[in-house]
Amino acid sequence: MKQSDDLKTREGLLGHLADTMLKLETRKITIDDAKAQASLVKQSNNLLRLDFDMLKYAEKMASPTLPK
């Protein structure tokens, strides 16, 4: 099982999905478990994207605008 720190990056989320797929292939988890994990990863990715967008916006607002 991945630790929460591992899931704070896109690479960590992709690794978690790969682990989930391997567990599904070896029948260590059910299809419903895999769907639930995929849904959580999707939500986590949305949060990562939101954080990234907020950082881009903050940088844009902090940079001085050039006069025309």
Protein backbone atom coordinates (compact mmCIF):
# COMPACT_ATOMS: atom_id res chain seq x y z
CA MET A 1 0.00 0.00 0.00
CA LYS A 2 1.30 3.41 -0.95
CA GLN A 3 1.92 5.98 1.77
CA SER A 4 0.08 9.29 1.60
CA ASP A 5 3.35 11.13 0.84
CA ASP A 6 3.79 8.93 -2.24
CA LEU A 7 0.42 10.06 -3.56
CA LYS A 8 1.21 13.79 -3.56
CA THR A 9 2.72 13.69 -7.04
CA ARG A 10 1.46 12.60 -10.41
CA GLU A 11 4.16 9.93 -10.49
CA GLY A 12 2.97 8.60 -7.15
CA LEU A 13 -0.62 8.50 -8.37
CA LEU A 14 0.40 6.68 -11.55
CA GLY A 15 2.40 4.20 -9.50
CA HIS A 16 -0.59 3.58 -7.29
CA LEU A 17 -2.76 2.94 -10.35
CA ALA A 18 -0.16 0.52 -11.74
CA ASP A 19 -0.07 -1.33 -8.40
CA THR A 20 -3.86 -1.48 -8.40
CA MET A 21 -3.90 -2.91 -11.93
CA LEU A 22 -1.38 -5.59 -10.94
CA LYS A 23 -3.46 -6.51 -7.91
CA LEU A 24 -6.53 -6.70 -10.11
CA GLU A 25 -4.74 -8.97 -12.60
CA THR A 26 -3.66 -11.32 -9.83
CA ARG A 27 -7.16 -11.17 -8.32
CA LYS A 28 -5.92 -9.75 -5.02
CA ILE A 29 -8.65 -7.10 -5.24
CA THR A 30 -12.08 -6.98 -6.86
CA ILE A 31 -13.14 -4.89 -9.83
CA ASP A 32 -15.18 -2.69 -7.49
CA ASP A 33 -12.08 -2.10 -5.33
CA ALA A 34 -10.11 -1.11 -8.43
CA LYS A 35 -12.88 1.27 -9.53
CA ALA A 36 -12.95 2.87 -6.09
CA GLN A 37 -9.16 3.33 -6.14
CA ALA A 38 -9.32 4.84 -9.64
CA SER A 39 -11.99 7.27 -8.49
CA LEU A 40 -9.84 8.36 -5.55
CA VAL A 41 -6.84 8.86 -7.81
CA LYS A 42 -8.96 10.93 -10.18
CA GLN A 43 -10.07 13.16 -7.30
CA SER A 44 -6.49 13.46 -6.08
CA ASN A 45 -5.34 14.42 -9.56
CA ASN A 46 -8.01 17.13 -9.66
CA LEU A 47 -6.63 18.53 -6.39
CA LEU A 48 -3.07 18.45 -7.74
CA ARG A 49 -4.22 20.27 -10.87
CA LEU A 50 -6.01 22.87 -8.76
CA ASP A 51 -2.88 23.45 -6.66
CA PHE A 52 -0.82 23.82 -9.83
CA ASP A 53 -3.30 26.29 -11.33
CA MET A 54 -3.35 28.33 -8.12
CA LEU A 55 0.46 28.51 -8.14
CA LYS A 56 0.46 29.66 -11.77
CA TYR A 57 -2.15 32.30 -10.96
CA ALA A 58 -0.24 33.51 -7.89
CA GLU A 59 2.96 33.84 -9.94
CA LYS A 60 1.10 35.72 -12.65
CA MET A 61 -0.40 38.13 -10.10
CA ALA A 62 2.97 38.65 -8.37
CA SER A 63 4.86 39.50 -11.55
CA PRO A 64 4.87 43.17 -12.50
CA THR A 65 2.99 44.06 -15.63
CA LEU A 66 4.85 45.90 -18.35
CA PRO A 67 3.45 49.22 -19.54
CA LYS A 68 2.31 49.33 -23.16
